[in-house]
Structure formats: structure tokens, C-alpha cells
Amino acid sequence: MPPPPPGVPPARFAYLGPEGTFTEQALRSLPAATKAELQPCATVTIALDAVRSGEADGAVVPIESSVEGSVPVTLDELATGDPLMITREMTVPIAFSLLARPGVQSDEVRRVATHPHAAAQTRRWLALHLPHAEVVHTSSTAQAAFMLTRPDATWDAAISAPLAAEHYRLAVLAEGIGDTYDAITRFVLVSRPGVPGPATGRDKTSLVAFMRDDHPGALLEILEQLTMRGVNLTRIESRPTGASLGNYCFSIDCEGHVEDARMGEALTGLRRVCADVRFLGSYERHDGIAPTIRPGTSDREFDDAAAWLARLRGGH
């Protein structure tokens, strides 16, 4: 992204902080972040609300881990409140380091702090190398590292991103301590609603479908709107709406762009059978994989079918 013209303030991006998180690493991978103001936020909710209020032009938040699955707070925040739109996704390989104040040795570590997801991904390593250490959960891996810089820290080491060692000038006691060596986390760039970027042929669409009522086949009705039009799902999860016990919505990622005929037809079908549908955006996939288009579901075939129906109705 080129520098803003004279007199125009730089773009502002919020992200799940503090400094040194994997989320910051994901944000810094965006060309637009080079000349932007970066605003670390204590929670996903605060980061997204900064976009809603106009305090930030966009926010980067984690949405899915290859080890621990989806991030519930992100799914719920996107499903409720003032609408937001996903405009881009990116992934970051997750490699953890064990950090401590300079001078602290591994055999002095009695308490280790980190985010619950990081604790789950380093459980075996901790059991093998620090079997007597107590694990303390924090709001983020970087928060665990940051607190080591304070005199009132109640733990001896933190499991965090390598970036945190640079930010907080901490010693690295061990690197690459994850139990899974190919773990990745998916992050999304979220902005206020607008027109999605153009279709690339390698796109993903995210949405939230709200059931009209709880009845046999309710989920099947939702799935049929997508599958019968050749739209492949890459993720679907149920989330409680908070309205009442048993009242759920479905957070869905699927292949295709809102400009694709099959996706457009699927969305109109969902609109008919659901109490509500929240469109969360169409954006290029991080892996650049193009979907397989089943026979009968290409744009040309949808256009041919619409033209055929028009001839029937018009009598020519």
C-alpha cells in the first residue's frame, strides 16, 4: 500500500494484543500494515469494536487453529452486534518459545504462563521437560511474556511467539517447543461492511445462518441450499444465539464468491428458509486453491437455465 497523500492520516489496524502476539505477526504480513498505525487490544471484542466505532479501519483476529479448532469468541462477535465483513484471511505457522527474564535458568522455572490454546499445543513438551511446573492461563501468549517484565509477575516463564522475545527483551530458554510441528492458525482481516472484492476463482464466503425454529430437518434444510447448488463447505459449526436454550445459529465457510451464480442462488435459498442470514464476506483463500465445479453448477449453466425459464415465461 503506498503512503497516504499529504494531509491524509495513515490507516489504523487493531489486533489482538499486546505486542508480540501471533496476531501481530499475521497483521504485519499484510502490505497495508507497512505504513499503518497498529493498535494492540486486550481482547478480540475490543479489537472488533474499534472497527465498529470507527477508531480503526480494520482489525486482525484469530478465527481457527489447526490444533484447537475455531476461536469461539471471534465466531460469536462476528455473528452478533453491528455487522462486520471479512475482507482477507491469512495463516501463520505456530512455533512456540519458552521465554524468561535474563538470567533465569530452566531448572528454576516453577510456574509457566500462556494462552490455553498454547498450553494445549505444548502439553507433552511441558510434561517431558518441566514436569513439576504449574501452568497458568492468560488472555494471550504475549500477555504472559509481557508480565515477565513487571516486578509483580507471579510466574517464572512464558510460552509465547518468538516475536515476544524481541518486544520484551526476554531470554529464550527453548525454541520450537510445540507438540505438533505443522500447526497453523488462520486469521482474518475484518472491516466495516462494504462491497466485497472482485471474484478471483479461488474464493471463500463466510456467513451465519440462523434457524427459523428448532424442528426435525432444520439443519438439513440449511445444508441442502448449499449442496444442491454445488457449494462445498469448508467449515460449519453450531453456536448458541443466547436467545434461549436450544436456539442455535450456524457459522459457515464455503467455497466460492457471492458473485458466483451458484453462491448467489444458495444465499437466496438460505434467506428463504432461515430466520436470518448474516453475510460475512467473500475473499480470496489463503492457499489459493480453486474449487472443483460440479457439472450443472457453473455460471454458464445457471445462465442457460435462467434463459430457458425466461423463454418459457415469455412464450418465445
Protein backbone atom coordinates (compact mmCIF):
# COMPACT_ATOMS: atom_id res chain seq x y z
CA MET A 1 0.00 0.00 0.00
CA PRO A 2 1.55 3.38 -0.98
CA PRO A 3 1.96 6.09 1.64
CA PRO A 4 -1.18 8.20 2.16
CA PRO A 5 -1.35 11.56 0.38
CA PRO A 6 -0.22 14.62 2.37
CA GLY A 7 -2.79 15.51 4.99
CA VAL A 8 -4.42 12.06 4.96
CA PRO A 9 -3.85 10.06 8.16
CA PRO A 10 -2.45 6.53 7.81
CA ALA A 11 -4.70 3.51 8.04
CA ARG A 12 -5.32 2.17 11.53
CA PHE A 13 -5.46 -1.54 12.30
CA ALA A 14 -6.49 -3.06 15.61
CA TYR A 15 -5.36 -6.54 16.59
CA LEU A 16 -5.43 -8.95 19.50
CA GLY A 17 -2.54 -7.80 21.64
CA PRO A 18 -0.44 -6.99 23.45
CA GLU A 19 2.61 -6.59 21.24
CA GLY A 20 4.31 -9.81 20.32
CA THR A 21 1.28 -11.99 19.58
CA PHE A 22 0.91 -14.29 16.59
CA THR A 23 -1.95 -11.96 15.61
CA GLU A 24 0.52 -9.09 15.28
CA GLN A 25 2.69 -11.36 13.14
CA ALA A 26 -0.31 -12.07 10.89
CA LEU A 27 -1.12 -8.37 10.64
CA ARG A 28 2.45 -7.45 9.72
CA SER A 29 2.27 -9.90 6.81
CA LEU A 30 -0.20 -7.54 5.10
CA PRO A 31 1.33 -4.96 2.75
CA ALA A 32 -1.22 -2.41 4.01
CA ALA A 33 0.20 -2.68 7.52
CA THR A 34 3.61 -1.32 6.50
CA LYS A 35 2.61 2.34 6.75
CA ALA A 36 -0.33 1.89 9.13
CA GLU A 37 -0.90 2.59 12.81
CA LEU A 38 -1.13 -0.70 14.70
CA GLN A 39 -3.32 -0.77 17.81
CA PRO A 40 -2.93 -3.74 20.17
CA CYS A 41 -6.15 -4.60 22.02
CA ALA A 42 -6.69 -6.66 25.14
CA THR A 43 -9.42 -8.85 23.65
CA VAL A 44 -10.98 -9.85 20.33
CA THR A 45 -14.12 -7.98 21.36
CA ILE A 46 -12.25 -4.72 21.90
CA ALA A 47 -10.42 -5.09 18.57
CA LEU A 48 -13.66 -5.63 16.63
CA ASP A 49 -15.50 -2.87 18.49
CA ALA A 50 -12.71 -0.49 17.46
CA VAL A 51 -13.72 -1.16 13.85
CA ARG A 52 -17.42 -0.76 14.61
CA SER A 53 -16.85 2.59 16.29
CA GLY A 54 -14.55 3.90 13.55
CA GLU A 55 -11.50 4.02 15.83
CA ALA A 56 -9.83 1.52 13.48
CA ASP A 57 -10.17 0.90 9.75
CA GLY A 58 -9.76 -2.84 10.19
CA ALA A 59 -8.89 -5.50 12.74
CA VAL A 60 -6.97 -8.76 12.57
CA VAL A 61 -8.20 -11.51 14.88
CA PRO A 62 -7.65 -15.29 15.10
CA ILE A 63 -10.52 -17.42 13.89
CA GLU A 64 -9.28 -21.01 13.62
CA SER A 65 -6.44 -23.21 14.84
CA SER A 66 -5.41 -26.44 13.14
CA VAL A 67 -4.96 -27.99 16.59
CA GLU A 68 -7.65 -26.47 18.81
CA GLY A 69 -10.30 -25.66 16.20
CA SER A 70 -12.23 -22.43 15.91
CA VAL A 71 -11.96 -19.45 18.23
CA PRO A 72 -15.45 -19.17 19.78
CA VAL A 73 -15.23 -15.51 20.78
CA THR A 74 -14.42 -14.49 17.20
CA LEU A 75 -17.30 -16.54 15.76
CA ASP A 76 -19.74 -15.09 18.30
CA GLU A 77 -18.59 -11.50 17.83
CA LEU A 78 -19.00 -11.76 14.05
CA ALA A 79 -22.46 -13.30 14.43
CA THR A 80 -23.80 -10.57 16.73
CA GLY A 81 -23.62 -6.82 17.14
CA ASP A 82 -23.25 -4.33 14.32
CA PRO A 83 -22.33 -6.18 11.11
CA LEU A 84 -18.71 -6.59 10.09
CA MET A 85 -17.13 -8.05 6.96
CA ILE A 86 -14.15 -10.33 6.45
CA THR A 87 -12.01 -8.96 3.62
CA ARG A 88 -8.96 -11.21 3.81
CA GLU A 89 -7.58 -14.28 5.53
CA MET A 90 -4.01 -15.27 6.28
CA THR A 91 -2.27 -18.09 8.14
CA VAL A 92 0.74 -18.15 10.44
CA PRO A 93 2.78 -21.25 11.33
CA ILE A 94 2.67 -21.60 15.08
CA ALA A 95 6.08 -22.10 16.70
CA PHE A 96 6.37 -21.53 20.44
CA SER A 97 9.34 -20.49 22.56
CA LEU A 98 9.88 -20.72 26.29
CA LEU A 99 10.81 -17.23 27.49
CA ALA A 100 12.10 -15.92 30.83
CA ARG A 101 13.84 -12.93 32.35
CA PRO A 102 17.53 -12.77 31.51
CA GLY A 103 19.50 -14.87 33.98
CA VAL A 104 16.68 -17.34 34.78
CA GLN A 105 17.58 -20.98 34.09
CA SER A 106 15.20 -23.75 33.03
CA ASP A 107 15.63 -25.64 36.31
CA GLU A 108 14.39 -22.54 38.19
CA VAL A 109 11.03 -22.47 36.41
CA ARG A 110 8.17 -23.42 38.74
CA ARG A 111 5.24 -21.63 37.07
CA VAL A 112 4.70 -21.17 33.32
CA ALA A 113 2.08 -18.85 31.85
CA THR A 114 0.49 -18.94 28.39
CA HIS A 115 -2.79 -18.88 26.49
CA PRO A 116 -4.96 -22.04 26.84
CA HIS A 117 -4.51 -22.90 23.14
CA ALA A 118 -0.73 -22.70 23.50
CA ALA A 119 -0.88 -24.79 26.66
CA ALA A 120 -2.78 -27.48 24.77
CA GLN A 121 -0.23 -27.43 21.94
CA THR A 122 2.77 -27.77 24.28
CA ARG A 123 1.33 -30.17 26.85
CA ARG A 124 3.63 -33.10 26.04
CA TRP A 125 6.74 -30.92 25.87
CA LEU A 126 5.98 -29.45 29.28
CA ALA A 127 5.36 -32.88 30.78
CA LEU A 128 8.73 -34.06 29.49
CA HIS A 129 10.92 -31.03 30.17
CA LEU A 130 9.16 -29.20 33.03
CA PRO A 131 7.14 -31.95 34.73
CA HIS A 132 6.85 -30.11 38.05
CA ALA A 133 5.92 -26.70 36.62
CA GLU A 134 2.42 -25.32 37.15
CA VAL A 135 0.74 -23.93 34.01
CA VAL A 136 -1.13 -20.63 34.37
CA HIS A 137 -3.58 -19.45 31.69
CA THR A 138 -3.52 -15.87 30.39
CA SER A 139 -5.52 -13.90 27.82
CA SER A 140 -2.75 -14.23 25.21
CA THR A 141 0.73 -15.67 24.84
CA ALA A 142 2.14 -12.16 24.57
CA GLN A 143 0.40 -11.11 27.79
CA ALA A 144 2.20 -13.96 29.54
CA ALA A 145 5.51 -12.68 28.16
CA PHE A 146 4.75 -9.03 28.91
CA MET A 147 4.02 -9.74 32.57
CA LEU A 148 7.55 -11.11 32.96
CA THR A 149 8.79 -7.54 32.54
CA ARG A 150 6.87 -6.46 35.65
CA PRO A 151 8.18 -6.91 39.20
CA ASP A 152 4.81 -8.31 40.35
CA ALA A 153 4.82 -11.22 37.87
CA THR A 154 3.72 -14.44 39.59
CA TRP A 155 5.29 -16.85 37.10
CA ASP A 156 8.84 -17.63 36.07
CA ALA A 157 8.49 -18.24 32.32
CA ALA A 158 6.09 -17.79 29.44
CA ILE A 159 5.26 -19.84 26.37
CA SER A 160 4.88 -17.33 23.58
CA ALA A 161 5.65 -16.41 19.99
CA PRO A 162 9.34 -15.80 19.21
CA LEU A 163 8.36 -12.22 18.34
CA ALA A 164 7.59 -11.57 22.02
CA ALA A 165 11.22 -12.18 22.99
CA GLU A 166 12.27 -9.26 20.79
CA HIS A 167 9.49 -6.96 22.00
CA TYR A 168 10.11 -7.54 25.71
CA ARG A 169 13.85 -8.34 25.68
CA LEU A 170 13.42 -11.75 27.23
CA ALA A 171 15.77 -14.71 27.20
CA VAL A 172 14.87 -17.72 25.08
CA LEU A 173 15.18 -20.90 27.14
CA ALA A 174 13.88 -23.20 24.40
CA GLU A 175 12.59 -22.88 20.83
CA GLY A 176 10.12 -24.91 18.77
CA ILE A 177 8.51 -26.49 21.81
CA GLY A 178 5.16 -27.35 20.24
CA ASP A 179 3.92 -30.93 20.26
CA THR A 180 2.74 -30.50 16.65
CA TYR A 181 5.30 -29.20 14.19
CA ASP A 182 2.92 -28.29 11.36
CA ALA A 183 0.37 -26.34 13.42
CA ILE A 184 -1.06 -23.20 11.83
CA THR A 185 -3.61 -20.61 12.88
CA ARG A 186 -5.93 -18.80 10.49
CA PHE A 187 -6.52 -15.09 10.99
CA VAL A 188 -9.00 -12.75 9.31
CA LEU A 189 -8.91 -9.06 8.46
CA VAL A 190 -12.26 -7.53 9.36
CA SER A 191 -13.64 -4.16 8.31
CA ARG A 192 -16.96 -2.35 8.25
CA PRO A 193 -19.44 -3.68 5.65
CA GLY A 194 -18.89 -2.71 2.04
CA VAL A 195 -18.71 -4.20 -1.42
CA PRO A 196 -16.66 -7.43 -1.47
CA GLY A 197 -13.54 -7.50 -3.60
CA PRO A 198 -13.87 -8.99 -7.09
CA ALA A 199 -14.05 -12.75 -7.56
CA THR A 200 -10.71 -14.44 -8.22
CA GLY A 201 -11.89 -18.01 -8.82
CA ARG A 202 -10.11 -19.01 -5.59
CA ASP A 203 -12.53 -17.55 -3.09
CA LYS A 204 -14.26 -18.36 0.15
CA THR A 205 -17.52 -16.99 1.52
CA SER A 206 -18.35 -16.79 5.23
CA LEU A 207 -21.86 -16.46 6.64
CA VAL A 208 -24.01 -17.14 9.69
CA ALA A 209 -27.36 -18.89 9.23
CA PHE A 210 -29.99 -18.55 11.96
CA MET A 211 -32.62 -21.29 12.23
CA ARG A 212 -36.23 -20.15 11.91
CA ASP A 213 -37.23 -22.66 14.58
CA ASP A 214 -35.97 -25.93 16.04
CA HIS A 215 -37.62 -28.81 14.16
CA PRO A 216 -36.57 -32.14 12.62
CA GLY A 217 -34.50 -31.49 9.49
CA ALA A 218 -33.78 -27.82 10.27
CA LEU A 219 -30.05 -28.25 9.71
CA LEU A 220 -30.67 -30.41 6.64
CA GLU A 221 -32.75 -27.60 5.10
CA ILE A 222 -29.81 -25.23 5.53
CA LEU A 223 -27.28 -27.67 4.12
CA GLU A 224 -29.46 -28.50 1.12
CA GLN A 225 -29.48 -24.88 -0.02
CA LEU A 226 -25.72 -25.15 -0.44
CA THR A 227 -25.14 -28.73 -1.53
CA MET A 228 -27.87 -28.84 -4.18
CA ARG A 229 -26.21 -25.87 -5.89
CA GLY A 230 -22.72 -27.37 -5.76
CA VAL A 231 -21.36 -25.18 -2.96
CA ASN A 232 -18.74 -27.06 -0.92
CA LEU A 233 -18.47 -26.32 2.81
CA THR A 234 -15.02 -25.97 4.35
CA ARG A 235 -16.31 -25.41 7.90
CA ILE A 236 -19.64 -25.47 9.74
CA GLU A 237 -20.21 -25.05 13.47
CA SER A 238 -23.23 -24.52 15.65
CA ARG A 239 -23.16 -21.67 18.14
CA PRO A 240 -25.81 -20.76 20.72
CA THR A 241 -27.56 -17.49 19.97
CA GLY A 242 -28.15 -16.70 23.64
CA ALA A 243 -31.87 -16.20 23.00
CA SER A 244 -32.94 -19.45 24.67
CA LEU A 245 -31.72 -22.95 25.38
CA GLY A 246 -31.58 -24.94 22.13
CA ASN A 247 -31.60 -21.84 19.92
CA TYR A 248 -28.58 -22.09 17.61
CA CYS A 249 -27.04 -20.43 14.60
CA PHE A 250 -24.56 -21.98 12.19
CA SER A 251 -21.23 -20.37 11.34
CA ILE A 252 -20.27 -21.48 7.82
CA ASP A 253 -17.29 -21.13 5.49
CA CYS A 254 -17.81 -22.36 1.93
CA GLU A 255 -16.02 -22.30 -1.41
CA GLY A 256 -16.99 -19.59 -3.88
CA HIS A 257 -17.73 -15.88 -4.16
CA VAL A 258 -21.01 -14.00 -3.81
CA GLU A 259 -20.64 -13.05 -7.50
CA ASP A 260 -20.74 -16.75 -8.48
CA ALA A 261 -24.18 -17.83 -9.66
CA ARG A 262 -24.19 -20.96 -7.51
CA MET A 263 -23.32 -18.94 -4.41
CA GLY A 264 -25.91 -16.28 -5.17
CA GLU A 265 -28.62 -18.92 -5.60
CA ALA A 266 -27.53 -20.64 -2.38
CA LEU A 267 -27.70 -17.39 -0.43
CA THR A 268 -31.20 -16.61 -1.71
CA GLY A 269 -32.25 -20.14 -0.77
CA LEU A 270 -30.88 -19.68 2.74
CA ARG A 271 -32.68 -16.37 3.00
CA ARG A 272 -35.97 -18.18 2.31
CA VAL A 273 -35.58 -20.97 4.88
CA CYS A 274 -33.71 -19.17 7.68
CA ALA A 275 -34.85 -16.61 10.21
CA ASP A 276 -31.85 -14.53 9.18
CA VAL A 277 -28.60 -14.83 7.23
CA ARG A 278 -25.60 -12.69 8.07
CA PHE A 279 -23.20 -12.35 5.13
CA LEU A 280 -19.65 -12.06 6.48
CA GLY A 281 -17.85 -11.53 3.19
CA SER A 282 -16.28 -13.16 0.14
CA TYR A 283 -12.49 -13.10 -0.06
CA GLU A 284 -9.58 -14.94 -1.65
CA ARG A 285 -8.48 -18.13 0.07
CA HIS A 286 -5.11 -18.03 1.79
CA ASP A 287 -3.99 -21.21 -0.01
CA GLY A 288 -5.09 -20.10 -3.48
CA ILE A 289 -6.94 -23.38 -4.16
CA ALA A 290 -9.72 -23.15 -6.74
CA PRO A 291 -12.89 -25.17 -6.06
CA THR A 292 -14.00 -28.08 -8.21
CA ILE A 293 -17.09 -27.01 -10.14
CA ARG A 294 -19.58 -29.86 -10.40
CA PRO A 295 -21.46 -30.37 -13.70
CA GLY A 296 -24.58 -28.22 -13.72
CA THR A 297 -23.29 -25.61 -11.27
CA SER A 298 -21.12 -23.30 -13.41
CA ASP A 299 -22.15 -19.71 -14.07
CA ARG A 300 -22.80 -20.57 -17.73
CA GLU A 301 -25.15 -23.40 -16.82
CA PHE A 302 -27.05 -21.22 -14.35
CA ASP A 303 -27.35 -18.53 -17.07
CA ASP A 304 -28.59 -21.10 -19.60
CA ALA A 305 -31.21 -22.35 -17.16
CA ALA A 306 -32.39 -18.80 -16.40
CA ALA A 307 -32.62 -18.03 -20.14
CA TRP A 308 -34.61 -21.22 -20.73
CA LEU A 309 -37.08 -20.28 -17.97
CA ALA A 310 -37.38 -16.76 -19.40
CA ARG A 311 -38.29 -18.23 -22.80
CA LEU A 312 -40.96 -20.40 -21.20
CA ARG A 313 -42.47 -17.45 -19.41
CA GLY A 314 -42.17 -15.12 -22.36
CA GLY A 315 -43.51 -17.57 -24.90
CA HIS A 316 -40.54 -17.19 -27.27
